[in-house]
Every structure is written in structure tokens, then in C-alpha cells.
Amino acid sequence: MAKEERLKAYKKAFGENLKKIRAEKLKTLSKVDSTTKFDSSNYHKYEIGTGNPTLETIVSIATGLGIHPKELLDFDFDLKKIDIHK
């Protein structure tokens, strides 16, 4: 798997986890926007796996969702398959 494909797969898994957490918190995109100061198009990019959030963004999203940032990165993914340095 090429580096770009592995990173794309990881971002997709992150986005699926983000969307799941938002749904569990019963928050709409507009509600998350108002607490994180992101517009819905940027936030939506993270959920569909096309955005590449910074650490600052991850902390801001977590704060808006009322969770610890580590929860956003707590999803199953085989890191052996995503060695981004290859």
C-alpha cells in the first residue's frame, strides 16, 4: 500500500470515529460548529476523511464535544499497515 493510500485510510478511520462520537453526543454539525468555531464544511472534511486536522484542531473538536482528545484517536487501526514513512 502506498504512503498516500495508507494515510487516506487512517484519515477515513479517524473521520468515522469522529462522526460516531458526534452522533453519540447527539450533536448536529451546526452545534459542533458553534462550540468549536469551525464552519461545517471544514468539520465535515474531517468526518469524511478528506481533512487533515492539526493537534490544535483535535483539541478544539474534543472540547466542543465535551470529551478528552485521546477519544478521537481511540479507534481500531492496524498501524503496521500504515507506516507513513515507507
PDB file of N, CA and C in Angstrom:
ATOM      1  N   MET A   1       0.848  -1.173   0.000  1.00  0.00           N
ATOM      2  CA  MET A   1       0.000   0.000   0.000  1.00  0.00           C
ATOM      3  C   MET A   1       0.895   1.237   0.000  1.00  0.00           C
ATOM      4  N   ALA A   2       0.636   2.161  -0.889  1.00  0.00           N
ATOM      5  CA  ALA A   2       1.434   3.380  -0.987  1.00  0.00           C
ATOM      6  C   ALA A   2       1.172   4.299   0.202  1.00  0.00           C
ATOM      7  N   LYS A   3       2.140   5.154   0.468  1.00  0.00           N
ATOM      8  CA  LYS A   3       2.058   6.071   1.605  1.00  0.00           C
ATOM      9  C   LYS A   3       0.762   6.882   1.575  1.00  0.00           C
ATOM     10  N   GLU A   4       0.399   7.421   0.427  1.00  0.00           N
ATOM     11  CA  GLU A   4      -0.807   8.236   0.302  1.00  0.00           C
ATOM     12  C   GLU A   4      -2.056   7.425   0.612  1.00  0.00           C
ATOM     13  N   GLU A   5      -2.087   6.181   0.159  1.00  0.00           N
ATOM     14  CA  GLU A   5      -3.240   5.316   0.412  1.00  0.00           C
ATOM     15  C   GLU A   5      -3.361   4.985   1.894  1.00  0.00           C
ATOM     16  N   ARG A   6      -2.234   4.739   2.544  1.00  0.00           N
ATOM     17  CA  ARG A   6      -2.256   4.423   3.977  1.00  0.00           C
ATOM     18  C   ARG A   6      -2.744   5.619   4.785  1.00  0.00           C
ATOM     19  N   LEU A   7      -2.241   6.797   4.464  1.00  0.00           N
ATOM     20  CA  LEU A   7      -2.662   7.993   5.176  1.00  0.00           C
ATOM     21  C   LEU A   7      -4.144   8.274   4.929  1.00  0.00           C
ATOM     22  N   LYS A   8      -4.590   8.061   3.713  1.00  0.00           N
ATOM     23  CA  LYS A   8      -6.007   8.246   3.382  1.00  0.00           C
ATOM     24  C   LYS A   8      -6.868   7.288   4.205  1.00  0.00           C
ATOM     25  N   ALA A   9      -6.433   6.051   4.340  1.00  0.00           N
ATOM     26  CA  ALA A   9      -7.178   5.060   5.126  1.00  0.00           C
ATOM     27  C   ALA A   9      -7.224   5.458   6.597  1.00  0.00           C
ATOM     28  N   TYR A  10      -6.137   5.982   7.114  1.00  0.00           N
ATOM     29  CA  TYR A  10      -6.099   6.412   8.516  1.00  0.00           C
ATOM     30  C   TYR A  10      -7.027   7.603   8.741  1.00  0.00           C
ATOM     31  N   LYS A  11      -7.000   8.580   7.820  1.00  0.00           N
ATOM     32  CA  LYS A  11      -7.881   9.743   7.952  1.00  0.00           C
ATOM     33  C   LYS A  11      -9.345   9.330   7.866  1.00  0.00           C
ATOM     34  N   LYS A  12      -9.631   8.339   7.040  1.00  0.00           N
ATOM     35  CA  LYS A  12     -11.007   7.843   6.929  1.00  0.00           C
ATOM     36  C   LYS A  12     -11.441   7.197   8.238  1.00  0.00           C
ATOM     37  N   ALA A  13     -10.576   6.399   8.841  1.00  0.00           N
ATOM     38  CA  ALA A  13     -10.892   5.756  10.124  1.00  0.00           C
ATOM     39  C   ALA A  13     -11.080   6.808  11.218  1.00  0.00           C
ATOM     40  N   PHE A  14     -10.236   7.838  11.226  1.00  0.00           N
ATOM     41  CA  PHE A  14     -10.381   8.938  12.180  1.00  0.00           C
ATOM     42  C   PHE A  14     -11.737   9.606  11.992  1.00  0.00           C
ATOM     43  N   GLY A  15     -12.089   9.880  10.744  1.00  0.00           N
ATOM     44  CA  GLY A  15     -13.354  10.544  10.442  1.00  0.00           C
ATOM     45  C   GLY A  15     -14.563   9.731  10.859  1.00  0.00           C
ATOM     46  N   GLU A  16     -14.502   8.427  10.636  1.00  0.00           N
ATOM     47  CA  GLU A  16     -15.609   7.559  11.047  1.00  0.00           C
ATOM     48  C   GLU A  16     -15.766   7.577  12.564  1.00  0.00           C
ATOM     49  N   ASN A  17     -14.654   7.583  13.282  1.00  0.00           N
ATOM     50  CA  ASN A  17     -14.706   7.650  14.739  1.00  0.00           C
ATOM     51  C   ASN A  17     -15.267   8.998  15.192  1.00  0.00           C
ATOM     52  N   LEU A  18     -14.837  10.061  14.563  1.00  0.00           N
ATOM     53  CA  LEU A  18     -15.320  11.399  14.887  1.00  0.00           C
ATOM     54  C   LEU A  18     -16.832  11.490  14.684  1.00  0.00           C
ATOM     55  N   LYS A  19     -17.298  10.979  13.569  1.00  0.00           N
ATOM     56  CA  LYS A  19     -18.739  11.016  13.272  1.00  0.00           C
ATOM     57  C   LYS A  19     -19.525  10.190  14.289  1.00  0.00           C
ATOM     58  N   LYS A  20     -18.991   9.033  14.660  1.00  0.00           N
ATOM     59  CA  LYS A  20     -19.648   8.168  15.646  1.00  0.00           C
ATOM     60  C   LYS A  20     -19.762   8.881  16.993  1.00  0.00           C
ATOM     61  N   ILE A  21     -18.687   9.520  17.409  1.00  0.00           N
ATOM     62  CA  ILE A  21     -18.694  10.233  18.689  1.00  0.00           C
ATOM     63  C   ILE A  21     -19.696  11.379  18.653  1.00  0.00           C
ATOM     64  N   ARG A  22     -19.702  12.123  17.561  1.00  0.00           N
ATOM     65  CA  ARG A  22     -20.656  13.238  17.450  1.00  0.00           C
ATOM     66  C   ARG A  22     -22.084  12.728  17.533  1.00  0.00           C
ATOM     67  N   ALA A  23     -22.370  11.615  16.868  1.00  0.00           N
ATOM     68  CA  ALA A  23     -23.718  11.038  16.907  1.00  0.00           C
ATOM     69  C   ALA A  23     -24.074  10.581  18.322  1.00  0.00           C
ATOM     70  N   GLU A  24     -23.113   9.983  19.012  1.00  0.00           N
ATOM     71  CA  GLU A  24     -23.353   9.542  20.392  1.00  0.00           C
ATOM     72  C   GLU A  24     -23.652  10.723  21.306  1.00  0.00           C
ATOM     73  N   LYS A  25     -23.041  11.853  21.014  1.00  0.00           N
ATOM     74  CA  LYS A  25     -23.263  13.057  21.821  1.00  0.00           C
ATOM     75  C   LYS A  25     -24.512  13.813  21.356  1.00  0.00           C
ATOM     76  N   LEU A  26     -25.161  13.276  20.310  1.00  0.00           N
ATOM     77  CA  LEU A  26     -26.379  13.871  19.748  1.00  0.00           C
ATOM     78  C   LEU A  26     -26.179  15.326  19.338  1.00  0.00           C
ATOM     79  N   LYS A  27     -25.035  15.576  18.747  1.00  0.00           N
ATOM     80  CA  LYS A  27     -24.740  16.935  18.303  1.00  0.00           C
ATOM     81  C   LYS A  27     -24.855  17.011  16.788  1.00  0.00           C
ATOM     82  N   THR A  28     -25.463  18.082  16.316  1.00  0.00           N
ATOM     83  CA  THR A  28     -25.516  18.332  14.882  1.00  0.00           C
ATOM     84  C   THR A  28     -24.223  19.030  14.478  1.00  0.00           C
ATOM     85  N   LEU A  29     -23.967  19.058  13.176  1.00  0.00           N
ATOM     86  CA  LEU A  29     -22.774  19.768  12.710  1.00  0.00           C
ATOM     87  C   LEU A  29     -22.828  21.234  13.120  1.00  0.00           C
ATOM     88  N   SER A  30     -24.001  21.851  13.029  1.00  0.00           N
ATOM     89  CA  SER A  30     -24.094  23.271  13.384  1.00  0.00           C
ATOM     90  C   SER A  30     -23.832  23.487  14.869  1.00  0.00           C
ATOM     91  N   LYS A  31     -24.246  22.540  15.702  1.00  0.00           N
ATOM     92  CA  LYS A  31     -23.996  22.647  17.144  1.00  0.00           C
ATOM     93  C   LYS A  31     -22.493  22.526  17.420  1.00  0.00           C
ATOM     94  N   VAL A  32     -21.833  21.605  16.744  1.00  0.00           N
ATOM     95  CA  VAL A  32     -20.379  21.462  16.902  1.00  0.00           C
ATOM     96  C   VAL A  32     -19.684  22.724  16.397  1.00  0.00           C
ATOM     97  N   ASP A  33     -20.155  23.260  15.273  1.00  0.00           N
ATOM     98  CA  ASP A  33     -19.571  24.488  14.727  1.00  0.00           C
ATOM     99  C   ASP A  33     -19.584  25.619  15.739  1.00  0.00           C
ATOM    100  N   SER A  34     -20.699  25.763  16.440  1.00  0.00           N
ATOM    101  CA  SER A  34     -20.828  26.886  17.373  1.00  0.00           C
ATOM    102  C   SER A  34     -19.909  26.735  18.586  1.00  0.00           C
ATOM    103  N   THR A  35     -19.583  25.503  18.960  1.00  0.00           N
ATOM    104  CA  THR A  35     -18.713  25.307  20.121  1.00  0.00           C
ATOM    105  C   THR A  35     -17.236  25.203  19.748  1.00  0.00           C
ATOM    106  N   THR A  36     -16.940  24.897  18.495  1.00  0.00           N
ATOM    107  CA  THR A  36     -15.544  24.744  18.084  1.00  0.00           C
ATOM    108  C   THR A  36     -15.045  25.885  17.217  1.00  0.00           C
ATOM    109  N   LYS A  37     -15.935  26.719  16.755  1.00  0.00           N
ATOM    110  CA  LYS A  37     -15.598  27.855  15.883  1.00  0.00           C
ATOM    111  C   LYS A  37     -15.121  27.415  14.495  1.00  0.00           C
ATOM    112  N   PHE A  38     -15.523  26.213  14.072  1.00  0.00           N
ATOM    113  CA  PHE A  38     -15.253  25.760  12.709  1.00  0.00           C
ATOM    114  C   PHE A  38     -16.525  25.921  11.905  1.00  0.00           C
ATOM    115  N   ASP A  39     -16.387  26.154  10.605  1.00  0.00           N
ATOM    116  CA  ASP A  39     -17.602  26.093   9.814  1.00  0.00           C
ATOM    117  C   ASP A  39     -17.851  24.637   9.446  1.00  0.00           C
ATOM    118  N   SER A  40     -19.089  24.330   9.126  1.00  0.00           N
ATOM    119  CA  SER A  40     -19.468  22.930   8.932  1.00  0.00           C
ATOM    120  C   SER A  40     -18.730  22.269   7.777  1.00  0.00           C
ATOM    121  N   SER A  41     -18.329  23.041   6.762  1.00  0.00           N
ATOM    122  CA  SER A  41     -17.628  22.417   5.632  1.00  0.00           C
ATOM    123  C   SER A  41     -16.258  21.895   6.056  1.00  0.00           C
ATOM    124  N   ASN A  42     -15.551  22.636   6.906  1.00  0.00           N
ATOM    125  CA  ASN A  42     -14.253  22.148   7.392  1.00  0.00           C
ATOM    126  C   ASN A  42     -14.432  20.941   8.288  1.00  0.00           C
ATOM    127  N   TYR A  43     -15.372  21.018   9.206  1.00  0.00           N
ATOM    128  CA  TYR A  43     -15.616  19.901  10.117  1.00  0.00           C
ATOM    129  C   TYR A  43     -16.039  18.665   9.329  1.00  0.00           C
ATOM    130  N   HIS A  44     -16.882  18.877   8.331  1.00  0.00           N
ATOM    131  CA  HIS A  44     -17.354  17.760   7.502  1.00  0.00           C
ATOM    132  C   HIS A  44     -16.179  17.060   6.808  1.00  0.00           C
ATOM    133  N   LYS A  45     -15.177  17.812   6.398  1.00  0.00           N
ATOM    134  CA  LYS A  45     -13.995  17.219   5.758  1.00  0.00           C
ATOM    135  C   LYS A  45     -13.291  16.246   6.697  1.00  0.00           C
ATOM    136  N   TYR A  46     -13.263  16.572   7.983  1.00  0.00           N
ATOM    137  CA  TYR A  46     -12.643  15.661   8.947  1.00  0.00           C
ATOM    138  C   TYR A  46     -13.469  14.387   9.079  1.00  0.00           C
ATOM    139  N   GLU A  47     -14.791  14.539   9.094  1.00  0.00           N
ATOM    140  CA  GLU A  47     -15.658  13.365   9.249  1.00  0.00           C
ATOM    141  C   GLU A  47     -15.614  12.433   8.047  1.00  0.00           C
ATOM    142  N   ILE A  48     -15.444  12.983   6.857  1.00  0.00           N
ATOM    143  CA  ILE A  48     -15.421  12.116   5.676  1.00  0.00           C
ATOM    144  C   ILE A  48     -14.006  11.669   5.312  1.00  0.00           C
ATOM    145  N   GLY A  49     -13.025  12.125   6.087  1.00  0.00           N
ATOM    146  CA  GLY A  49     -11.664  11.641   5.900  1.00  0.00           C
ATOM    147  C   GLY A  49     -10.850  12.366   4.857  1.00  0.00           C
ATOM    148  N   THR A  50     -11.301  13.556   4.446  1.00  0.00           N
ATOM    149  CA  THR A  50     -10.511  14.305   3.467  1.00  0.00           C
ATOM    150  C   THR A  50      -9.708  15.429   4.106  1.00  0.00           C
ATOM    151  N   GLY A  51     -10.053  15.786   5.341  1.00  0.00           N
ATOM    152  CA  GLY A  51      -9.304  16.818   6.058  1.00  0.00           C
ATOM    153  C   GLY A  51      -8.171  16.196   6.850  1.00  0.00           C
ATOM    154  N   ASN A  52      -7.203  17.013   7.197  1.00  0.00           N
ATOM    155  CA  ASN A  52      -6.056  16.546   7.971  1.00  0.00           C
ATOM    156  C   ASN A  52      -5.893  17.478   9.171  1.00  0.00           C
ATOM    157  N   PRO A  53      -6.627  17.200  10.271  1.00  0.00           N
ATOM    158  CA  PRO A  53      -6.635  18.133  11.396  1.00  0.00           C
ATOM    159  C   PRO A  53      -5.300  18.207  12.129  1.00  0.00           C
ATOM    160  N   THR A  54      -4.989  19.405  12.580  1.00  0.00           N
ATOM    161  CA  THR A  54      -3.802  19.610  13.407  1.00  0.00           C
ATOM    162  C   THR A  54      -4.129  19.196  14.839  1.00  0.00           C
ATOM    163  N   LEU A  55      -3.112  19.138  15.668  1.00  0.00           N
ATOM    164  CA  LEU A  55      -3.321  18.828  17.079  1.00  0.00           C
ATOM    165  C   LEU A  55      -4.224  19.881  17.718  1.00  0.00           C
ATOM    166  N   GLU A  56      -4.007  21.131  17.379  1.00  0.00           N
ATOM    167  CA  GLU A  56      -4.850  22.211  17.907  1.00  0.00           C
ATOM    168  C   GLU A  56      -6.313  21.996  17.512  1.00  0.00           C
ATOM    169  N   THR A  57      -6.541  21.572  16.286  1.00  0.00           N
ATOM    170  CA  THR A  57      -7.897  21.305  15.813  1.00  0.00           C
ATOM    171  C   THR A  57      -8.509  20.138  16.566  1.00  0.00           C
ATOM    172  N   ILE A  58      -7.735  19.083  16.778  1.00  0.00           N
ATOM    173  CA  ILE A  58      -8.235  17.913  17.507  1.00  0.00           C
ATOM    174  C   ILE A  58      -8.639  18.306  18.922  1.00  0.00           C
ATOM    175  N   VAL A  59      -7.828  19.113  19.577  1.00  0.00           N
ATOM    176  CA  VAL A  59      -8.152  19.569  20.937  1.00  0.00           C
ATOM    177  C   VAL A  59      -9.422  20.418  20.919  1.00  0.00           C
ATOM    178  N   SER A  60      -9.552  21.285  19.950  1.00  0.00           N
ATOM    179  CA  SER A  60     -10.731  22.141  19.850  1.00  0.00           C
ATOM    180  C   SER A  60     -11.998  21.322  19.598  1.00  0.00           C
ATOM    181  N   ILE A  61     -11.910  20.344  18.711  1.00  0.00           N
ATOM    182  CA  ILE A  61     -13.065  19.483  18.433  1.00  0.00           C
ATOM    183  C   ILE A  61     -13.445  18.704  19.685  1.00  0.00           C
ATOM    184  N   ALA A  62     -12.459  18.142  20.353  1.00  0.00           N
ATOM    185  CA  ALA A  62     -12.727  17.369  21.571  1.00  0.00           C
ATOM    186  C   ALA A  62     -13.406  18.241  22.623  1.00  0.00           C
ATOM    187  N   THR A  63     -12.927  19.457  22.781  1.00  0.00           N
ATOM    188  CA  THR A  63     -13.529  20.383  23.735  1.00  0.00           C
ATOM    189  C   THR A  63     -14.986  20.651  23.370  1.00  0.00           C
ATOM    190  N   GLY A  64     -15.238  20.873  22.087  1.00  0.00           N
ATOM    191  CA  GLY A  64     -16.604  21.115  21.627  1.00  0.00           C
ATOM    192  C   GLY A  64     -17.527  19.932  21.844  1.00  0.00           C
ATOM    193  N   LEU A  65     -16.965  18.734  21.792  1.00  0.00           N
ATOM    194  CA  LEU A  65     -17.760  17.522  22.008  1.00  0.00           C
ATOM    195  C   LEU A  65     -17.821  17.128  23.484  1.00  0.00           C
ATOM    196  N   GLY A  66     -17.042  17.809  24.311  1.00  0.00           N
ATOM    197  CA  GLY A  66     -17.031  17.505  25.740  1.00  0.00           C
ATOM    198  C   GLY A  66     -16.329  16.202  26.076  1.00  0.00           C
ATOM    199  N   ILE A  67     -15.260  15.903  25.325  1.00  0.00           N
ATOM    200  CA  ILE A  67     -14.512  14.662  25.538  1.00  0.00           C
ATOM    201  C   ILE A  67     -13.024  14.969  25.638  1.00  0.00           C
ATOM    202  N   HIS A  68     -12.254  13.979  26.061  1.00  0.00           N
ATOM    203  CA  HIS A  68     -10.795  14.102  26.075  1.00  0.00           C
ATOM    204  C   HIS A  68     -10.298  13.882  24.641  1.00  0.00           C
ATOM    205  N   PRO A  69      -9.305  14.635  24.180  1.00  0.00           N
ATOM    206  CA  PRO A  69      -8.808  14.472  22.815  1.00  0.00           C
ATOM    207  C   PRO A  69      -8.399  13.042  22.458  1.00  0.00           C
ATOM    208  N   LYS A  70      -7.924  12.267  23.438  1.00  0.00           N
ATOM    209  CA  LYS A  70      -7.484  10.903  23.127  1.00  0.00           C
ATOM    210  C   LYS A  70      -8.631  10.042  22.603  1.00  0.00           C
ATOM    211  N   GLU A  71      -9.875  10.379  22.950  1.00  0.00           N
ATOM    212  CA  GLU A  71     -11.016   9.607  22.458  1.00  0.00           C
ATOM    213  C   GLU A  71     -11.159   9.709  20.943  1.00  0.00           C
ATOM    214  N   LEU A  72     -10.732  10.821  20.378  1.00  0.00           N
ATOM    215  CA  LEU A  72     -10.819  10.987  18.931  1.00  0.00           C
ATOM    216  C   LEU A  72      -9.837  10.081  18.195  1.00  0.00           C
ATOM    217  N   LEU A  73      -8.787   9.672  18.886  1.00  0.00           N
ATOM    218  CA  LEU A  73      -7.777   8.812  18.270  1.00  0.00           C
ATOM    219  C   LEU A  73      -7.899   7.361  18.727  1.00  0.00           C
ATOM    220  N   ASP A  74      -8.937   7.068  19.469  1.00  0.00           N
ATOM    221  CA  ASP A  74      -9.139   5.723  20.014  1.00  0.00           C
ATOM    222  C   ASP A  74     -10.048   4.909  19.091  1.00  0.00           C
ATOM    223  N   PHE A  75      -9.451   4.352  18.046  1.00  0.00           N
ATOM    224  CA  PHE A  75     -10.195   3.519  17.107  1.00  0.00           C
ATOM    225  C   PHE A  75      -9.273   2.423  16.599  1.00  0.00           C
ATOM    226  N   ASP A  76      -9.884   1.336  16.156  1.00  0.00           N
ATOM    227  CA  ASP A  76      -9.101   0.206  15.653  1.00  0.00           C
ATOM    228  C   ASP A  76      -8.458   0.557  14.323  1.00  0.00           C
ATOM    229  N   PHE A  77      -7.167   0.316  14.255  1.00  0.00           N
ATOM    230  CA  PHE A  77      -6.446   0.524  13.011  1.00  0.00           C
ATOM    231  C   PHE A  77      -5.128  -0.208  13.112  1.00  0.00           C
ATOM    232  N   ASP A  78      -4.789  -0.957  12.093  1.00  0.00           N
ATOM    233  CA  ASP A  78      -3.547  -1.717  12.089  1.00  0.00           C
ATOM    234  C   ASP A  78      -2.402  -0.790  11.689  1.00  0.00           C
ATOM    235  N   LEU A  79      -1.692  -0.296  12.682  1.00  0.00           N
ATOM    236  CA  LEU A  79      -0.608   0.643  12.412  1.00  0.00           C
ATOM    237  C   LEU A  79       0.516   0.027  11.591  1.00  0.00           C
ATOM    238  N   LYS A  80       0.635  -1.293  11.608  1.00  0.00           N
ATOM    239  CA  LYS A  80       1.665  -1.944  10.792  1.00  0.00           C
ATOM    240  C   LYS A  80       1.381  -1.737   9.310  1.00  0.00           C
ATOM    241  N   LYS A  81       0.105  -1.539   8.990  1.00  0.00           N
ATOM    242  CA  LYS A  81      -0.275  -1.335   7.593  1.00  0.00           C
ATOM    243  C   LYS A  81      -0.187   0.126   7.175  1.00  0.00           C
ATOM    244  N   ILE A  82       0.077   1.016   8.113  1.00  0.00           N
ATOM    245  CA  ILE A  82       0.086   2.436   7.778  1.00  0.00           C
ATOM    246  C   ILE A  82       1.414   3.111   8.092  1.00  0.00           C
ATOM    247  N   ASP A  83       2.485   2.432   7.899  1.00  0.00           N
ATOM    248  CA  ASP A  83       3.793   3.044   8.115  1.00  0.00           C
ATOM    249  C   ASP A  83       3.956   4.175   7.101  1.00  0.00           C
ATOM    250  N   ILE A  84       3.692   5.401   7.543  1.00  0.00           N
ATOM    251  CA  ILE A  84       3.698   6.534   6.622  1.00  0.00           C
ATOM    252  C   ILE A  84       5.104   6.929   6.181  1.00  0.00           C
ATOM    253  N   HIS A  85       6.101   6.305   6.747  1.00  0.00           N
ATOM    254  CA  HIS A  85       7.480   6.632   6.380  1.00  0.00           C
ATOM    255  C   HIS A  85       7.995   5.799   5.212  1.00  0.00           C
ATOM    256  N   LYS A  86       7.221   4.823   4.783  1.00  0.00           N
ATOM    257  CA  LYS A  86       7.657   3.988   3.651  1.00  0.00           C
ATOM    258  C   LYS A  86       7.249   4.612   2.346  1.00  0.00           C
TER     259      LYS A  86
END
